[in-house]
Amino acid sequence: MLAGLLFVGLGILGAFLPVMPSTVFFIIAAVFFARSNPVWEAKIMNHPKIGPPIRAFRERGAIARSAKIAAVTAMAISSVVSAFLLHGWWRLAPAGVCALCAVFILTRPNE
């Protein structure tokens, strides 16, 4: 239950901070609440704003096209910035991780 509360808190922060994705944290919170507190899981799943994308991901593994575009764009920008700020082989690490994440995101069905 503590982990679920932690991820709800991170999700709330992500709603206000442009660099943190809130939906991912709410999906993780729902997973923790499914085992510890089904009432809170239902509150997340039935929330009018955050419920639909969480249900779509849970039921079909679907991600909205606009969310895919935003995520891949943000990862590309952060990879380019990292390439200029880091030195040596470390400058390739963010691009590699972001590329793997982008492949996962882009291979999910559209919501």
C-alpha atoms as a PDB file:
ATOM      1  CA  MET A   1       0.000   0.000   0.000  1.00  0.00           C
ATOM      2  CA  LEU A   2       2.897   2.369   0.752  1.00  0.00           C
ATOM      3  CA  ALA A   3       4.322   1.773  -2.694  1.00  0.00           C
ATOM      4  CA  GLY A   4       0.938   2.594  -4.239  1.00  0.00           C
ATOM      5  CA  LEU A   5       0.765   5.835  -2.271  1.00  0.00           C
ATOM      6  CA  LEU A   6       4.323   6.706  -3.307  1.00  0.00           C
ATOM      7  CA  PHE A   7       3.463   6.251  -6.985  1.00  0.00           C
ATOM      8  CA  VAL A   8       0.243   8.261  -6.636  1.00  0.00           C
ATOM      9  CA  GLY A   9       2.361  11.059  -5.170  1.00  0.00           C
ATOM     10  CA  LEU A  10       4.799  10.822  -8.081  1.00  0.00           C
ATOM     11  CA  GLY A  11       1.860  10.814 -10.496  1.00  0.00           C
ATOM     12  CA  ILE A  12       0.490  13.985  -8.928  1.00  0.00           C
ATOM     13  CA  LEU A  13       3.924  15.605  -9.212  1.00  0.00           C
ATOM     14  CA  GLY A  14       4.095  14.480 -12.831  1.00  0.00           C
ATOM     15  CA  ALA A  15       0.846  16.287 -13.560  1.00  0.00           C
ATOM     16  CA  PHE A  16       2.528  19.576 -12.684  1.00  0.00           C
ATOM     17  CA  LEU A  17       6.137  18.973 -13.779  1.00  0.00           C
ATOM     18  CA  PRO A  18       6.680  18.798 -17.543  1.00  0.00           C
ATOM     19  CA  VAL A  19       9.535  16.276 -17.366  1.00  0.00           C
ATOM     20  CA  MET A  20       7.702  13.618 -15.338  1.00  0.00           C
ATOM     21  CA  PRO A  21       5.067  11.385 -16.980  1.00  0.00           C
ATOM     22  CA  SER A  22       2.116  11.086 -14.613  1.00  0.00           C
ATOM     23  CA  THR A  23       0.226   8.240 -16.317  1.00  0.00           C
ATOM     24  CA  VAL A  24       3.058   5.748 -15.884  1.00  0.00           C
ATOM     25  CA  PHE A  25       3.115   6.369 -12.140  1.00  0.00           C
ATOM     26  CA  PHE A  26      -0.657   5.965 -11.871  1.00  0.00           C
ATOM     27  CA  ILE A  27      -0.463   2.662 -13.787  1.00  0.00           C
ATOM     28  CA  ILE A  28       2.137   1.394 -11.308  1.00  0.00           C
ATOM     29  CA  ALA A  29       0.057   2.675  -8.364  1.00  0.00           C
ATOM     30  CA  ALA A  30      -2.981   0.785  -9.687  1.00  0.00           C
ATOM     31  CA  VAL A  31      -0.919  -2.413  -9.840  1.00  0.00           C
ATOM     32  CA  PHE A  32       0.128  -2.023  -6.209  1.00  0.00           C
ATOM     33  CA  PHE A  33      -3.400  -1.128  -5.098  1.00  0.00           C
ATOM     34  CA  ALA A  34      -4.823  -4.166  -6.937  1.00  0.00           C
ATOM     35  CA  ARG A  35      -3.154  -6.330  -4.313  1.00  0.00           C
ATOM     36  CA  SER A  36      -3.320  -4.078  -1.259  1.00  0.00           C
ATOM     37  CA  ASN A  37      -6.416  -1.893  -1.546  1.00  0.00           C
ATOM     38  CA  PRO A  38      -8.953  -2.667  -4.318  1.00  0.00           C
ATOM     39  CA  VAL A  39     -11.054   0.369  -3.340  1.00  0.00           C
ATOM     40  CA  TRP A  40      -8.186   2.738  -4.159  1.00  0.00           C
ATOM     41  CA  GLU A  41      -7.444   0.801  -7.336  1.00  0.00           C
ATOM     42  CA  ALA A  42     -11.060   1.342  -8.380  1.00  0.00           C
ATOM     43  CA  LYS A  43     -10.760   5.066  -7.630  1.00  0.00           C
ATOM     44  CA  ILE A  44      -7.766   5.326  -9.954  1.00  0.00           C
ATOM     45  CA  MET A  45      -9.340   3.170 -12.649  1.00  0.00           C
ATOM     46  CA  ASN A  46     -12.623   5.108 -12.559  1.00  0.00           C
ATOM     47  CA  HIS A  47     -11.099   8.589 -12.381  1.00  0.00           C
ATOM     48  CA  PRO A  48     -12.464  10.622 -15.322  1.00  0.00           C
ATOM     49  CA  LYS A  49      -9.068  12.045 -16.348  1.00  0.00           C
ATOM     50  CA  ILE A  50      -6.493   9.338 -15.578  1.00  0.00           C
ATOM     51  CA  GLY A  51      -8.719   6.251 -15.690  1.00  0.00           C
ATOM     52  CA  PRO A  52      -9.200   5.834 -19.474  1.00  0.00           C
ATOM     53  CA  PRO A  53      -5.493   5.690 -20.446  1.00  0.00           C
ATOM     54  CA  ILE A  54      -4.761   3.341 -17.550  1.00  0.00           C
ATOM     55  CA  ARG A  55      -7.632   1.020 -18.513  1.00  0.00           C
ATOM     56  CA  ALA A  56      -6.529   1.095 -22.173  1.00  0.00           C
ATOM     57  CA  PHE A  57      -2.986   0.128 -21.245  1.00  0.00           C
ATOM     58  CA  ARG A  58      -4.100  -2.549 -18.805  1.00  0.00           C
ATOM     59  CA  GLU A  59      -6.703  -4.143 -21.069  1.00  0.00           C
ATOM     60  CA  ARG A  60      -5.021  -3.880 -24.476  1.00  0.00           C
ATOM     61  CA  GLY A  61      -1.524  -2.538 -23.836  1.00  0.00           C
ATOM     62  CA  ALA A  62      -2.625   0.526 -25.816  1.00  0.00           C
ATOM     63  CA  ILE A  63      -1.036   3.982 -25.670  1.00  0.00           C
ATOM     64  CA  ALA A  64      -2.602   7.089 -27.218  1.00  0.00           C
ATOM     65  CA  ARG A  65      -0.914   8.337 -30.364  1.00  0.00           C
ATOM     66  CA  SER A  66      -0.419  11.807 -28.849  1.00  0.00           C
ATOM     67  CA  ALA A  67       1.263  10.238 -25.808  1.00  0.00           C
ATOM     68  CA  LYS A  68       3.555   8.226 -28.073  1.00  0.00           C
ATOM     69  CA  ILE A  69       4.566  11.344 -29.982  1.00  0.00           C
ATOM     70  CA  ALA A  70       5.190  13.305 -26.785  1.00  0.00           C
ATOM     71  CA  ALA A  71       7.219  10.490 -25.196  1.00  0.00           C
ATOM     72  CA  VAL A  72       9.418   9.784 -28.210  1.00  0.00           C
ATOM     73  CA  THR A  73       9.982  13.506 -28.835  1.00  0.00           C
ATOM     74  CA  ALA A  74      11.008  14.086 -25.207  1.00  0.00           C
ATOM     75  CA  MET A  75      13.354  11.091 -25.324  1.00  0.00           C
ATOM     76  CA  ALA A  76      14.945  12.319 -28.560  1.00  0.00           C
ATOM     77  CA  ILE A  77      15.504  15.787 -27.128  1.00  0.00           C
ATOM     78  CA  SER A  78      16.998  14.415 -23.907  1.00  0.00           C
ATOM     79  CA  SER A  79      19.289  12.099 -25.894  1.00  0.00           C
ATOM     80  CA  VAL A  80      20.610  14.993 -27.980  1.00  0.00           C
ATOM     81  CA  VAL A  81      21.141  17.168 -24.903  1.00  0.00           C
ATOM     82  CA  SER A  82      22.911  14.291 -23.141  1.00  0.00           C
ATOM     83  CA  ALA A  83      25.182  13.788 -26.139  1.00  0.00           C
ATOM     84  CA  PHE A  84      26.416  17.363 -25.729  1.00  0.00           C
ATOM     85  CA  LEU A  85      26.705  17.310 -21.939  1.00  0.00           C
ATOM     86  CA  LEU A  86      28.286  13.898 -21.307  1.00  0.00           C
ATOM     87  CA  HIS A  87      31.747  12.716 -22.279  1.00  0.00           C
ATOM     88  CA  GLY A  88      33.158   9.498 -23.687  1.00  0.00           C
ATOM     89  CA  TRP A  89      31.004   6.430 -24.062  1.00  0.00           C
ATOM     90  CA  TRP A  90      28.536   7.801 -21.498  1.00  0.00           C
ATOM     91  CA  ARG A  91      27.114  10.123 -24.124  1.00  0.00           C
ATOM     92  CA  LEU A  92      25.679   7.093 -25.951  1.00  0.00           C
ATOM     93  CA  ALA A  93      23.987   5.528 -22.908  1.00  0.00           C
ATOM     94  CA  PRO A  94      20.908   7.787 -22.787  1.00  0.00           C
ATOM     95  CA  ALA A  95      20.322   7.373 -26.518  1.00  0.00           C
ATOM     96  CA  GLY A  96      20.527   3.588 -26.184  1.00  0.00           C
ATOM     97  CA  VAL A  97      18.096   3.444 -23.282  1.00  0.00           C
ATOM     98  CA  CYS A  98      15.739   5.892 -24.980  1.00  0.00           C
ATOM     99  CA  ALA A  99      15.869   3.895 -28.218  1.00  0.00           C
ATOM    100  CA  LEU A 100      14.846   0.712 -26.401  1.00  0.00           C
ATOM    101  CA  CYS A 101      12.026   2.541 -24.629  1.00  0.00           C
ATOM    102  CA  ALA A 102      10.893   4.146 -27.894  1.00  0.00           C
ATOM    103  CA  VAL A 103      10.716   0.748 -29.590  1.00  0.00           C
ATOM    104  CA  PHE A 104       8.511  -0.523 -26.754  1.00  0.00           C
ATOM    105  CA  ILE A 105       6.244   2.530 -26.895  1.00  0.00           C
ATOM    106  CA  LEU A 106       5.923   2.551 -30.677  1.00  0.00           C
ATOM    107  CA  THR A 107       5.090  -1.149 -30.877  1.00  0.00           C
ATOM    108  CA  ARG A 108       2.093  -0.782 -28.528  1.00  0.00           C
ATOM    109  CA  PRO A 109      -1.322  -0.508 -30.194  1.00  0.00           C
ATOM    110  CA  ASN A 110      -2.917   2.940 -30.486  1.00  0.00           C
ATOM    111  CA  GLU A 111      -5.615   3.839 -27.991  1.00  0.00           C
END
